[in-house]
Amino acid sequence: MASNNDEQRSRRRRIIGAGVRSLGRGVLHTMPGYDRAKSWQKTGQDWFDTLGGLRGAAMKLGQIASQYRDFLPEQLADQLARLQRDAEPWDFERLEPVLDATWTEEQRALVAHIDESALAAASIGQVHRAELADGRDVVIKIRYPGVADAVDADIANLGRLLKLSRFLPIRGSDIDAVLDELRERFIEETDYRHELRNLESLRAIGLPRFVLPEPAPELCTDAVLVTSHVPSAPIDQAPGDLGQAIVSAINRQVFTHGVLHADPHPGNFGVTDDARLALYDFGCVKRLDIETRAGLRDVVAAALESRWADVHDALQRLGVVPPGSWARHSELYTEIYAGHAAASLGPLRDNPHYVFGDDGLIESIRGEIRKSLRHWKLFNAAPELVFLMRTLSGLYWILRSIHAEADLYAELEAIAAGAYDPPADAREPS
């Protein structure tokens, strides 16, 4: 126990140390002639070094922060984006005690060989190729020691720093609500039994043109996940015509089943020899209830028809705007909604076969977001949507990397028409 407490104190000191240094630089920003860009770059480097070395929830928070460039200084976001890449793997001998602690002798006998060189490494654990005694080619994901114990402390420490640094233009109560959502997902992600259930749920959906690994439940525990090995090439080698399958898969996950693979890292996708999409890593799956799915559908339907009061009503049901706010600020909300619709829906309507590329669409949308930031007090953080927005942001860049093609406007019309609605008797996510 003392060893665990020492580790917790060490993590807290490292996080707080990075925060104090960040706050010190922030004070200097008010001085005439101070190089703010260089300061933000140093802050980003500091946070990259600190979070990357800690793994677990701390590193995960840095990865998520990197996807919200519009809310962070560019130099800071650039450094945090480096956390999206694979982490340095641990030597296998440091992970063998995890296997010894979690597997019985009977389970260990089911494994013929484990490759000690890591296939991939991330914030929660790392993956090794292996062969089972019955000849199956599998991968074994092993959780880093101490990661599960550090979630609450990491999030509490980072929450204090976010409030002190004021990097994000949101209320302290909203930061707490978002951190609660992050904490819940991270706790789930550190329990590989939960990941096994997520994988089984997504396999049951049967996403067209996707291939998901098959679990070996007899070897899965809270700290170890074993699945079939699905070989694939990097996602950026996928053909562009897979774009429609990716977009359709997201809509089916969100609206029909309420079970969303919410970790859109390029390393979690691949393309197989038969031109299907391989999907990996099921620790972070967001489940959406019927009311949330209906609210999202109604936002799309109302926006397509420029019914801004109805857009606002749906957003209020989703917790994005406060109750009664339309009556007080209808003209301002109308201006904001119309601006976002023009920036996003207009280009999609004009380009039925949209090709993801450097066409200015994302900058147009970002421009509207930046304009809206001065009115941030009119909106709530809506923690229930944090992982949905993270997924859409990450998938945009994946789709862009393969110059994907999709009829996005037709997909939006299908959502509005209820084509992706769940069966009438569905009440909860699958």
Foldseek 3Di string as FASTA:
>chain_A
DVVLVVLLVVLLCLLVVLLVLLVVLVVCVPPPPDDVLVSLLVSLQSLLVSQLVQFALSLVVLCLVLLPCLLAPVSNSVSSVVLLAFHDADQQVQQVVQLVVWDDPVLVLQWDDWDRDFPTHHRFWTKTWTATPVGFTKIKTFGHPSNLVNLVSSLVSVLVSCVVSVSGPADSVLSVVLSVLSSVLRNQLQFVVSLLVLQVQLVVVPQPLEDEWAWPVVNHGRGMTMTGDADFAQLLPAAQQCQASVVVSQLLCVAAFQKAQQSLRSVQWGAHPVRGIYGDRRSRIGGDFNLLNVLVLQLLLCLVVLVQVSNVVSCVSLQWFPPPLCVVQVVVSSVLSVQLCCLAVVVLVVPQWDWQEDPCSVVSNSVSVSVCSVVNVRTGSSSSCSSVVSRVSSVSVSSHSNRHIHRVNVVSVCSNVCVSHYPPPDGTHD
